C-alpha atoms as a PDB file:
ATOM      1  CA  MET A   1     -25.034 -39.109 -43.412  1.00  0.00           C
ATOM      2  CA  SER A   2     -23.417 -37.871 -46.587  1.00  0.00           C
ATOM      3  CA  LEU A   3     -23.233 -40.538 -50.023  1.00  0.00           C
ATOM      4  CA  ILE A   4     -19.596 -39.413 -50.771  1.00  0.00           C
ATOM      5  CA  ALA A   5     -17.096 -40.408 -47.886  1.00  0.00           C
ATOM      6  CA  SER A   6     -15.486 -37.156 -46.565  1.00  0.00           C
ATOM      7  CA  THR A   7     -11.811 -38.148 -46.630  1.00  0.00           C
ATOM      8  CA  PRO A   8      -8.511 -36.480 -45.364  1.00  0.00           C
ATOM      9  CA  GLU A   9      -6.147 -34.378 -47.348  1.00  0.00           C
ATOM     10  CA  PRO A  10      -3.790 -37.226 -49.520  1.00  0.00           C
ATOM     11  CA  PRO A  11      -2.406 -39.206 -50.147  1.00  0.00           C
ATOM     12  CA  TYR A  12      -4.262 -42.092 -49.072  1.00  0.00           C
ATOM     13  CA  TYR A  13      -5.612 -45.383 -50.810  1.00  0.00           C
ATOM     14  CA  ALA A  14      -8.661 -46.185 -52.452  1.00  0.00           C
ATOM     15  CA  VAL A  15      -9.638 -50.073 -53.234  1.00  0.00           C
ATOM     16  CA  ILE A  16     -11.967 -49.994 -56.013  1.00  0.00           C
ATOM     17  CA  PHE A  17     -14.324 -53.194 -56.596  1.00  0.00           C
ATOM     18  CA  THR A  18     -16.455 -53.382 -59.480  1.00  0.00           C
ATOM     19  CA  SER A  19     -18.602 -55.949 -59.937  1.00  0.00           C
ATOM     20  CA  THR A  20     -21.531 -57.767 -61.920  1.00  0.00           C
ATOM     21  CA  LEU A  21     -23.981 -60.062 -59.916  1.00  0.00           C
ATOM     22  CA  SER A  22     -25.253 -63.927 -60.736  1.00  0.00           C
ATOM     23  CA  LYS A  23     -28.318 -64.472 -60.590  1.00  0.00           C
ATOM     24  CA  GLN A  24     -27.541 -66.309 -57.166  1.00  0.00           C
ATOM     25  CA  GLN A  25     -28.030 -63.219 -54.382  1.00  0.00           C
ATOM     26  CA  GLU A  26     -29.227 -65.237 -51.171  1.00  0.00           C
ATOM     27  CA  ASN A  27     -27.494 -63.542 -47.956  1.00  0.00           C
ATOM     28  CA  TYR A  28     -25.668 -61.094 -50.473  1.00  0.00           C
ATOM     29  CA  GLU A  29     -27.303 -57.586 -49.301  1.00  0.00           C
ATOM     30  CA  LYS A  30     -27.209 -58.791 -45.524  1.00  0.00           C
ATOM     31  CA  THR A  31     -23.474 -60.044 -46.278  1.00  0.00           C
ATOM     32  CA  ALA A  32     -22.592 -56.940 -48.083  1.00  0.00           C
ATOM     33  CA  LYS A  33     -23.827 -54.613 -45.227  1.00  0.00           C
ATOM     34  CA  ARG A  34     -22.261 -56.255 -42.589  1.00  0.00           C
ATOM     35  CA  MET A  35     -18.881 -56.210 -44.628  1.00  0.00           C
ATOM     36  CA  VAL A  36     -19.483 -51.971 -44.655  1.00  0.00           C
ATOM     37  CA  GLU A  37     -19.769 -52.490 -41.120  1.00  0.00           C
ATOM     38  CA  LEU A  38     -16.758 -54.583 -40.461  1.00  0.00           C
ATOM     39  CA  ALA A  39     -14.577 -52.177 -42.567  1.00  0.00           C
ATOM     40  CA  GLN A  40     -15.427 -49.433 -40.466  1.00  0.00           C
ATOM     41  CA  GLN A  41     -14.545 -50.923 -37.450  1.00  0.00           C
ATOM     42  CA  GLN A  42     -10.961 -51.845 -38.895  1.00  0.00           C
ATOM     43  CA  PRO A  43      -7.627 -49.691 -38.405  1.00  0.00           C
ATOM     44  CA  GLY A  44      -6.943 -47.585 -41.557  1.00  0.00           C
ATOM     45  CA  PHE A  45     -10.582 -47.147 -42.701  1.00  0.00           C
ATOM     46  CA  LEU A  46     -11.260 -43.547 -43.729  1.00  0.00           C
ATOM     47  CA  GLY A  47     -14.587 -44.133 -45.742  1.00  0.00           C
ATOM     48  CA  ILE A  48     -16.604 -45.711 -48.003  1.00  0.00           C
ATOM     49  CA  GLU A  49     -18.855 -45.052 -51.319  1.00  0.00           C
ATOM     50  CA  SER A  50     -20.978 -47.531 -53.416  1.00  0.00           C
ATOM     51  CA  ALA A  51     -23.236 -47.371 -56.467  1.00  0.00           C
ATOM     52  CA  ARG A  52     -25.249 -50.358 -57.983  1.00  0.00           C
ATOM     53  CA  GLU A  53     -26.949 -50.353 -61.497  1.00  0.00           C
ATOM     54  CA  ALA A  54     -25.617 -53.490 -63.795  1.00  0.00           C
ATOM     55  CA  VAL A  55     -22.339 -52.598 -62.886  1.00  0.00           C
ATOM     56  CA  GLY A  56     -21.567 -52.209 -59.127  1.00  0.00           C
ATOM     57  CA  ILE A  57     -18.838 -50.187 -57.936  1.00  0.00           C
ATOM     58  CA  THR A  58     -17.689 -49.593 -54.369  1.00  0.00           C
ATOM     59  CA  VAL A  59     -14.625 -47.615 -53.315  1.00  0.00           C
ATOM     60  CA  SER A  60     -12.980 -47.658 -49.910  1.00  0.00           C
ATOM     61  CA  TYR A  61     -10.442 -45.551 -48.555  1.00  0.00           C
ATOM     62  CA  TRP A  62      -7.554 -46.424 -46.596  1.00  0.00           C
ATOM     63  CA  GLN A  63      -4.613 -44.787 -44.693  1.00  0.00           C
ATOM     64  CA  ASP A  64      -2.284 -47.100 -46.156  1.00  0.00           C
ATOM     65  CA  LEU A  65      -1.458 -49.979 -47.575  1.00  0.00           C
ATOM     66  CA  ALA A  66      -1.040 -51.983 -44.394  1.00  0.00           C
ATOM     67  CA  SER A  67      -4.632 -51.227 -43.834  1.00  0.00           C
ATOM     68  CA  ILE A  68      -5.716 -52.473 -47.060  1.00  0.00           C
ATOM     69  CA  LYS A  69      -3.958 -55.790 -46.384  1.00  0.00           C
ATOM     70  CA  GLN A  70      -5.252 -56.430 -42.899  1.00  0.00           C
ATOM     71  CA  TRP A  71      -8.826 -55.780 -44.295  1.00  0.00           C
ATOM     72  CA  LYS A  72      -8.220 -58.187 -46.615  1.00  0.00           C
ATOM     73  CA  ALA A  73      -7.007 -61.037 -44.391  1.00  0.00           C
ATOM     74  CA  ASN A  74      -9.801 -60.667 -42.035  1.00  0.00           C
ATOM     75  CA  THR A  75     -11.223 -64.029 -41.324  1.00  0.00           C
ATOM     76  CA  GLU A  76     -14.988 -62.580 -41.724  1.00  0.00           C
ATOM     77  CA  HIS A  77     -14.247 -60.571 -45.052  1.00  0.00           C
ATOM     78  CA  LEU A  78     -12.236 -64.109 -46.475  1.00  0.00           C
ATOM     79  CA  SER A  79     -15.576 -66.112 -45.976  1.00  0.00           C
ATOM     80  CA  ALA A  80     -17.343 -63.068 -48.118  1.00  0.00           C
ATOM     81  CA  GLN A  81     -14.726 -62.920 -50.516  1.00  0.00           C
ATOM     82  CA  LYS A  82     -15.042 -67.052 -50.974  1.00  0.00           C
ATOM     83  CA  THR A  83     -18.871 -67.201 -50.985  1.00  0.00           C
ATOM     84  CA  GLY A  84     -18.563 -63.818 -53.488  1.00  0.00           C
ATOM     85  CA  ARG A  85     -16.454 -65.835 -55.702  1.00  0.00           C
ATOM     86  CA  GLN A  86     -18.738 -69.388 -55.745  1.00  0.00           C
ATOM     87  CA  LEU A  87     -22.092 -67.378 -55.572  1.00  0.00           C
ATOM     88  CA  TRP A  88     -22.856 -64.049 -56.155  1.00  0.00           C
ATOM     89  CA  TYR A  89     -20.540 -62.626 -58.535  1.00  0.00           C
ATOM     90  CA  GLN A  90     -20.620 -63.264 -62.253  1.00  0.00           C
ATOM     91  CA  SER A  91     -17.440 -60.822 -62.349  1.00  0.00           C
ATOM     92  CA  PHE A  92     -15.569 -58.311 -60.632  1.00  0.00           C
ATOM     93  CA  SER A  93     -12.363 -56.564 -60.597  1.00  0.00           C
ATOM     94  CA  VAL A  94     -10.602 -55.337 -57.305  1.00  0.00           C
ATOM     95  CA  ARG A  95      -7.588 -52.369 -58.345  1.00  0.00           C
ATOM     96  CA  ILE A  96      -5.938 -50.137 -55.650  1.00  0.00           C
ATOM     97  CA  ALA A  97      -4.598 -46.491 -56.239  1.00  0.00           C
ATOM     98  CA  LYS A  98      -2.933 -44.017 -54.640  1.00  0.00           C
ATOM     99  CA  VAL A  99      -4.780 -40.870 -53.761  1.00  0.00           C
ATOM    100  CA  GLU A 100      -2.652 -37.879 -54.803  1.00  0.00           C
ATOM    101  CA  ARG A 101      -5.319 -34.864 -55.421  1.00  0.00           C
ATOM    102  CA  ASP A 102      -8.801 -34.462 -53.932  1.00  0.00           C
ATOM    103  CA  TYR A 103     -10.930 -31.711 -54.475  1.00  0.00           C
ATOM    104  CA  ARG A 104     -15.102 -31.223 -53.774  1.00  0.00           C
ATOM    105  CA  LEU A 105     -18.059 -29.345 -53.867  1.00  0.00           C
ATOM    106  CA  ASP A 106     -19.770 -29.706 -50.523  1.00  0.00           C
END
């Protein structure tokens, strides 16, 4: 499996989640893995890329804004978001962008 998501021809959307972690990390890795598995099952999901050092960046790709809205409202995802705000994240930001151009070197 490639570390770089294989996305379709634009346009599509990217949700960019950038975060710094708190010291409380109980169940974080397990939940993060589950969220990826769950996102992959959602209508409109196109792919995901993630990296973590001092700052973590996860970019998920979606067919349209309606798909992103449905993912944000997923019950299990809402529970993980709440725990993230309360325990796991020192800070985070979410940015949603429309991808209009995409090129690559394979």
